[in-house]
PDB file of N, CA and C in Angstrom:
ATOM      1  N   MET A   1     -16.958   4.538  -8.079  1.00  0.00           N
ATOM      2  CA  MET A   1     -15.736   4.657  -8.985  1.00  0.00           C
ATOM      3  C   MET A   1     -14.964   5.229  -9.914  1.00  0.00           C
ATOM      4  N   ASN A   2     -13.822   5.609 -10.089  1.00  0.00           N
ATOM      5  CA  ASN A   2     -13.641   6.560 -11.221  1.00  0.00           C
ATOM      6  C   ASN A   2     -12.224   6.217 -11.387  1.00  0.00           C
ATOM      7  N   LEU A   3     -12.133   6.211 -13.001  1.00  0.00           N
ATOM      8  CA  LEU A   3     -11.076   5.720 -14.047  1.00  0.00           C
ATOM      9  C   LEU A   3      -9.833   5.945 -13.076  1.00  0.00           C
ATOM     10  N   ALA A   4      -9.977   7.495 -12.621  1.00  0.00           N
ATOM     11  CA  ALA A   4      -8.199   7.567 -11.713  1.00  0.00           C
ATOM     12  C   ALA A   4      -8.237   6.332 -10.349  1.00  0.00           C
ATOM     13  N   ALA A   5      -8.991   6.561  -9.888  1.00  0.00           N
ATOM     14  CA  ALA A   5      -8.930   5.288  -8.261  1.00  0.00           C
ATOM     15  C   ALA A   5      -8.773   4.376  -8.518  1.00  0.00           C
ATOM     16  N   LEU A   6      -9.499   3.702  -9.733  1.00  0.00           N
ATOM     17  CA  LEU A   6      -9.318   2.114 -10.398  1.00  0.00           C
ATOM     18  C   LEU A   6      -7.799   2.284 -10.501  1.00  0.00           C
ATOM     19  N   LEU A   7      -7.111   3.019 -11.398  1.00  0.00           N
ATOM     20  CA  LEU A   7      -5.527   2.990 -11.584  1.00  0.00           C
ATOM     21  C   LEU A   7      -4.731   3.204 -10.877  1.00  0.00           C
ATOM     22  N   TRP A   8      -5.070   4.271  -9.731  1.00  0.00           N
ATOM     23  CA  TRP A   8      -4.230   4.490  -8.643  1.00  0.00           C
ATOM     24  C   TRP A   8      -4.249   2.946  -7.624  1.00  0.00           C
ATOM     25  N   GLY A   9      -5.574   2.675  -7.476  1.00  0.00           N
ATOM     26  CA  GLY A   9      -5.614   0.962  -6.506  1.00  0.00           C
ATOM     27  C   GLY A   9      -4.720  -0.120  -7.350  1.00  0.00           C
ATOM     28  N   VAL A  10      -4.709  -0.030  -8.598  1.00  0.00           N
ATOM     29  CA  VAL A  10      -4.080  -0.959  -9.306  1.00  0.00           C
ATOM     30  C   VAL A  10      -2.360  -0.449  -8.773  1.00  0.00           C
ATOM     31  N   LEU A  11      -1.947   0.432  -9.462  1.00  0.00           N
ATOM     32  CA  LEU A  11      -0.781   0.737  -8.962  1.00  0.00           C
ATOM     33  C   LEU A  11      -0.021   0.388  -7.806  1.00  0.00           C
ATOM     34  N   PHE A  12      -0.765   0.824  -6.313  1.00  0.00           N
ATOM     35  CA  PHE A  12      -0.784   0.837  -5.366  1.00  0.00           C
ATOM     36  C   PHE A  12      -1.004  -0.579  -4.657  1.00  0.00           C
ATOM     37  N   SER A  13      -1.653  -1.351  -5.303  1.00  0.00           N
ATOM     38  CA  SER A  13      -2.039  -3.008  -5.330  1.00  0.00           C
ATOM     39  C   SER A  13      -0.218  -3.497  -5.269  1.00  0.00           C
ATOM     40  N   SER A  14      -0.541  -2.976  -7.000  1.00  0.00           N
ATOM     41  CA  SER A  14       1.060  -3.380  -7.418  1.00  0.00           C
ATOM     42  C   SER A  14       2.324  -3.655  -6.186  1.00  0.00           C
ATOM     43  N   ILE A  15       2.390  -2.140  -5.871  1.00  0.00           N
ATOM     44  CA  ILE A  15       3.547  -2.004  -4.829  1.00  0.00           C
ATOM     45  C   ILE A  15       3.210  -3.123  -3.430  1.00  0.00           C
ATOM     46  N   GLY A  16       1.788  -2.882  -2.888  1.00  0.00           N
ATOM     47  CA  GLY A  16       1.942  -4.284  -1.963  1.00  0.00           C
ATOM     48  C   GLY A  16       2.090  -5.363  -2.231  1.00  0.00           C
ATOM     49  N   LEU A  17       1.568  -5.810  -3.537  1.00  0.00           N
ATOM     50  CA  LEU A  17       2.090  -7.229  -3.757  1.00  0.00           C
ATOM     51  C   LEU A  17       3.880  -7.346  -3.535  1.00  0.00           C
ATOM     52  N   GLY A  18       4.559  -6.597  -4.055  1.00  0.00           N
ATOM     53  CA  GLY A  18       5.995  -6.116  -4.036  1.00  0.00           C
ATOM     54  C   GLY A  18       5.972  -6.422  -2.367  1.00  0.00           C
ATOM     55  N   TYR A  19       5.625  -5.774  -1.697  1.00  0.00           N
ATOM     56  CA  TYR A  19       6.069  -5.625  -0.668  1.00  0.00           C
ATOM     57  C   TYR A  19       5.949  -6.849   0.595  1.00  0.00           C
ATOM     58  N   PHE A  20       4.423  -7.046   0.159  1.00  0.00           N
ATOM     59  CA  PHE A  20       4.100  -8.598   0.328  1.00  0.00           C
ATOM     60  C   PHE A  20       5.177  -9.902   0.418  1.00  0.00           C
ATOM     61  N   MET A  21       5.627  -9.969  -0.842  1.00  0.00           N
ATOM     62  CA  MET A  21       6.599 -10.656  -1.011  1.00  0.00           C
ATOM     63  C   MET A  21       8.049 -10.632  -0.671  1.00  0.00           C
ATOM     64  N   TYR A  22       8.204  -9.735  -0.687  1.00  0.00           N
ATOM     65  CA  TYR A  22       9.440  -8.878  -0.154  1.00  0.00           C
ATOM     66  C   TYR A  22       9.654  -9.563   1.397  1.00  0.00           C
ATOM     67  N   GLY A  23       8.287  -9.104   2.087  1.00  0.00           N
ATOM     68  CA  GLY A  23       8.431  -9.232   3.226  1.00  0.00           C
ATOM     69  C   GLY A  23       8.363 -10.533   4.362  1.00  0.00           C
ATOM     70  N   LYS A  24       7.714 -11.219   2.775  1.00  0.00           N
ATOM     71  CA  LYS A  24       7.585 -13.005   3.236  1.00  0.00           C
ATOM     72  C   LYS A  24       8.448 -13.365   3.286  1.00  0.00           C
ATOM     73  N   SER A  25       9.651 -13.580   2.295  1.00  0.00           N
ATOM     74  CA  SER A  25      11.031 -13.910   1.838  1.00  0.00           C
ATOM     75  C   SER A  25      12.106 -13.719   3.142  1.00  0.00           C
ATOM     76  N   GLN A  26      11.596 -12.448   3.901  1.00  0.00           N
ATOM     77  CA  GLN A  26      12.888 -11.525   4.571  1.00  0.00           C
ATOM     78  C   GLN A  26      12.127 -12.137   6.341  1.00  0.00           C
ATOM     79  N   THR A  27      10.944 -12.281   6.344  1.00  0.00           N
ATOM     80  CA  THR A  27      10.676 -12.410   7.482  1.00  0.00           C
ATOM     81  C   THR A  27      10.136 -11.164   7.962  1.00  0.00           C
ATOM     82  N   ARG A  28       9.659 -10.123   7.638  1.00  0.00           N
ATOM     83  CA  ARG A  28       9.916  -8.658   8.087  1.00  0.00           C
ATOM     84  C   ARG A  28       8.247  -8.546   8.281  1.00  0.00           C
ATOM     85  N   VAL A  29       7.617  -8.491   9.465  1.00  0.00           N
ATOM     86  CA  VAL A  29       6.543  -8.509   9.574  1.00  0.00           C
ATOM     87  C   VAL A  29       5.602  -7.064   8.752  1.00  0.00           C
ATOM     88  N   LEU A  30       6.274  -5.939   9.285  1.00  0.00           N
ATOM     89  CA  LEU A  30       5.617  -4.746   9.115  1.00  0.00           C
ATOM     90  C   LEU A  30       5.704  -4.813   7.462  1.00  0.00           C
ATOM     91  N   LEU A  31       6.457  -5.202   6.452  1.00  0.00           N
ATOM     92  CA  LEU A  31       6.329  -4.992   5.384  1.00  0.00           C
ATOM     93  C   LEU A  31       5.139  -5.845   4.850  1.00  0.00           C
ATOM     94  N   LEU A  32       5.127  -7.125   5.286  1.00  0.00           N
ATOM     95  CA  LEU A  32       3.775  -7.888   5.008  1.00  0.00           C
ATOM     96  C   LEU A  32       2.572  -7.650   5.133  1.00  0.00           C
ATOM     97  N   VAL A  33       2.694  -7.010   6.212  1.00  0.00           N
ATOM     98  CA  VAL A  33       1.354  -6.218   6.804  1.00  0.00           C
ATOM     99  C   VAL A  33       0.497  -5.157   6.176  1.00  0.00           C
ATOM    100  N   THR A  34       2.023  -4.133   5.651  1.00  0.00           N
ATOM    101  CA  THR A  34       2.048  -3.382   4.815  1.00  0.00           C
ATOM    102  C   THR A  34       1.293  -3.602   3.301  1.00  0.00           C
ATOM    103  N   GLY A  35       1.862  -3.995   2.913  1.00  0.00           N
ATOM    104  CA  GLY A  35       1.456  -4.817   1.724  1.00  0.00           C
ATOM    105  C   GLY A  35       0.299  -5.447   1.583  1.00  0.00           C
ATOM    106  N   VAL A  36      -0.656  -6.083   2.879  1.00  0.00           N
ATOM    107  CA  VAL A  36      -1.708  -6.735   2.921  1.00  0.00           C
ATOM    108  C   VAL A  36      -2.557  -5.802   2.610  1.00  0.00           C
ATOM    109  N   LEU A  37      -2.348  -4.249   3.939  1.00  0.00           N
ATOM    110  CA  LEU A  37      -3.009  -2.829   3.842  1.00  0.00           C
ATOM    111  C   LEU A  37      -3.089  -2.227   2.139  1.00  0.00           C
ATOM    112  N   LEU A  38      -2.153  -2.358   1.431  1.00  0.00           N
ATOM    113  CA  LEU A  38      -1.688  -1.592   0.296  1.00  0.00           C
ATOM    114  C   LEU A  38      -2.930  -2.418  -0.678  1.00  0.00           C
ATOM    115  N   MET A  39      -2.539  -3.827  -0.515  1.00  0.00           N
ATOM    116  CA  MET A  39      -3.735  -4.582  -1.661  1.00  0.00           C
ATOM    117  C   MET A  39      -4.919  -4.249  -1.548  1.00  0.00           C
ATOM    118  N   MET A  40      -5.844  -4.113   0.107  1.00  0.00           N
ATOM    119  CA  MET A  40      -7.092  -4.196   0.466  1.00  0.00           C
ATOM    120  C   MET A  40      -7.567  -2.729   0.361  1.00  0.00           C
ATOM    121  N   TYR A  41      -7.302  -1.902   0.718  1.00  0.00           N
ATOM    122  CA  TYR A  41      -7.605  -0.638   0.962  1.00  0.00           C
ATOM    123  C   TYR A  41      -8.317  -0.252  -0.238  1.00  0.00           C
ATOM    124  N   PRO A  42      -8.282  -0.068  -1.754  1.00  0.00           N
ATOM    125  CA  PRO A  42      -8.627  -0.028  -2.865  1.00  0.00           C
ATOM    126  C   PRO A  42      -9.999  -0.208  -2.893  1.00  0.00           C
ATOM    127  N   TYR A  43     -10.639  -1.545  -2.146  1.00  0.00           N
ATOM    128  CA  TYR A  43     -11.653  -1.777  -2.216  1.00  0.00           C
ATOM    129  C   TYR A  43     -12.331  -1.016  -0.930  1.00  0.00           C
ATOM    130  N   PHE A  44     -11.926  -0.347  -0.185  1.00  0.00           N
ATOM    131  CA  PHE A  44     -12.931   0.554   1.250  1.00  0.00           C
ATOM    132  C   PHE A  44     -12.513   2.030   0.383  1.00  0.00           C
ATOM    133  N   VAL A  45     -11.848   2.620  -0.286  1.00  0.00           N
ATOM    134  CA  VAL A  45     -11.599   3.716  -0.330  1.00  0.00           C
ATOM    135  C   VAL A  45     -11.947   4.156  -2.036  1.00  0.00           C
ATOM    136  N   SER A  46     -13.361   5.278  -2.077  1.00  0.00           N
ATOM    137  CA  SER A  46     -13.695   5.192  -3.077  1.00  0.00           C
ATOM    138  C   SER A  46     -13.128   6.674  -4.654  1.00  0.00           C
ATOM    139  N   GLY A  47     -12.766   7.706  -4.096  1.00  0.00           N
ATOM    140  CA  GLY A  47     -12.295   8.752  -4.645  1.00  0.00           C
ATOM    141  C   GLY A  47     -10.423   8.678  -4.974  1.00  0.00           C
ATOM    142  N   GLY A  48     -10.366   9.353  -6.144  1.00  0.00           N
ATOM    143  CA  GLY A  48      -9.223   9.438  -6.892  1.00  0.00           C
ATOM    144  C   GLY A  48      -8.119  10.124  -6.148  1.00  0.00           C
ATOM    145  N   TRP A  49      -8.247  11.041  -5.818  1.00  0.00           N
ATOM    146  CA  TRP A  49      -7.837  11.527  -4.585  1.00  0.00           C
ATOM    147  C   TRP A  49      -7.030  10.575  -3.395  1.00  0.00           C
ATOM    148  N   ALA A  50      -8.280  10.326  -2.511  1.00  0.00           N
ATOM    149  CA  ALA A  50      -8.419   9.669  -1.320  1.00  0.00           C
ATOM    150  C   ALA A  50      -7.428   8.336  -1.495  1.00  0.00           C
ATOM    151  N   THR A  51      -7.575   8.217  -2.527  1.00  0.00           N
ATOM    152  CA  THR A  51      -6.890   6.248  -3.174  1.00  0.00           C
ATOM    153  C   THR A  51      -5.304   6.683  -3.153  1.00  0.00           C
ATOM    154  N   PHE A  52      -4.926   8.056  -3.693  1.00  0.00           N
ATOM    155  CA  PHE A  52      -3.474   8.242  -3.952  1.00  0.00           C
ATOM    156  C   PHE A  52      -2.910   8.566  -2.335  1.00  0.00           C
ATOM    157  N   LEU A  53      -3.757   9.526  -1.840  1.00  0.00           N
ATOM    158  CA  LEU A  53      -3.444   9.731  -0.133  1.00  0.00           C
ATOM    159  C   LEU A  53      -3.110   8.383   0.500  1.00  0.00           C
ATOM    160  N   VAL A  54      -3.756   7.735   0.605  1.00  0.00           N
ATOM    161  CA  VAL A  54      -4.320   7.082   1.667  1.00  0.00           C
ATOM    162  C   VAL A  54      -2.822   5.945   1.066  1.00  0.00           C
ATOM    163  N   GLY A  55      -2.956   5.645  -0.660  1.00  0.00           N
ATOM    164  CA  GLY A  55      -1.575   4.726  -0.407  1.00  0.00           C
ATOM    165  C   GLY A  55      -0.169   5.434  -0.798  1.00  0.00           C
ATOM    166  N   ALA A  56       0.292   6.617  -1.208  1.00  0.00           N
ATOM    167  CA  ALA A  56       1.117   7.347  -0.768  1.00  0.00           C
ATOM    168  C   ALA A  56       1.372   6.818   0.804  1.00  0.00           C
ATOM    169  N   LEU A  57       0.811   7.340   1.769  1.00  0.00           N
ATOM    170  CA  LEU A  57       1.295   7.300   3.478  1.00  0.00           C
ATOM    171  C   LEU A  57       1.421   5.803   3.176  1.00  0.00           C
ATOM    172  N   LEU A  58       0.444   4.767   3.104  1.00  0.00           N
ATOM    173  CA  LEU A  58       1.044   3.493   3.420  1.00  0.00           C
ATOM    174  C   LEU A  58       2.257   3.046   2.801  1.00  0.00           C
ATOM    175  N   THR A  59       2.678   3.298   1.446  1.00  0.00           N
ATOM    176  CA  THR A  59       3.920   3.242   0.951  1.00  0.00           C
ATOM    177  C   THR A  59       5.161   3.944   1.529  1.00  0.00           C
ATOM    178  N   ALA A  60       4.635   4.505   2.242  1.00  0.00           N
ATOM    179  CA  ALA A  60       6.171   5.000   3.168  1.00  0.00           C
ATOM    180  C   ALA A  60       5.957   4.828   4.647  1.00  0.00           C
ATOM    181  N   SER A  61       4.874   4.296   4.687  1.00  0.00           N
ATOM    182  CA  SER A  61       4.879   4.088   6.056  1.00  0.00           C
ATOM    183  C   SER A  61       6.220   3.029   6.879  1.00  0.00           C
ATOM    184  N   PRO A  62       6.323   1.942   5.659  1.00  0.00           N
ATOM    185  CA  PRO A  62       7.800   1.198   6.443  1.00  0.00           C
ATOM    186  C   PRO A  62       9.109   2.234   6.532  1.00  0.00           C
ATOM    187  N   TRP A  63       9.684   3.197   5.757  1.00  0.00           N
ATOM    188  CA  TRP A  63      10.296   4.007   5.408  1.00  0.00           C
ATOM    189  C   TRP A  63      10.291   4.607   6.791  1.00  0.00           C
ATOM    190  N   LEU A  64       9.335   5.649   7.097  1.00  0.00           N
ATOM    191  CA  LEU A  64       9.065   6.014   7.996  1.00  0.00           C
ATOM    192  C   LEU A  64       8.886   5.719  10.008  1.00  0.00           C
ATOM    193  N   ALA A  65       8.165   4.130   9.430  1.00  0.00           N
ATOM    194  CA  ALA A  65       8.680   3.524  10.931  1.00  0.00           C
ATOM    195  C   ALA A  65       9.875   3.438  11.427  1.00  0.00           C
ATOM    196  N   ARG A  66      10.334   2.959  10.242  1.00  0.00           N
ATOM    197  CA  ARG A  66      12.117   2.821  10.391  1.00  0.00           C
ATOM    198  C   ARG A  66      13.328   4.034  10.721  1.00  0.00           C
ATOM    199  N   ARG A  67      12.572   4.916  10.318  1.00  0.00           N
ATOM    200  CA  ARG A  67      13.159   6.177  10.471  1.00  0.00           C
ATOM    201  C   ARG A  67      12.706   6.636  11.771  1.00  0.00           C
ATOM    202  N   PHE A  68      11.967   6.659  12.414  1.00  0.00           N
ATOM    203  CA  PHE A  68      11.624   7.121  13.446  1.00  0.00           C
ATOM    204  C   PHE A  68      11.211   6.491  14.911  1.00  0.00           C
ATOM    205  N   PHE A  69      11.610   4.926  14.485  1.00  0.00           N
ATOM    206  CA  PHE A  69      11.116   4.279  15.426  1.00  0.00           C
ATOM    207  C   PHE A  69      12.566   2.905  15.263  1.00  0.00           C
TER     208      PHE A  69
END
């Protein structure tokens, strides 16, 4: 694992914690699940660009789901 992947993982895990806490307080399952996924995926993705792309897609997924479904 390189430094970029580590830093992207910390950033997106922090966003995931915010999603998780907000989803739990508002009882919104999509935000709760997205938060858990954002906190866990850096353990399984190793490259810097891959970490960024997966994190960006997961971060945008609640907005995309609400917009198109």
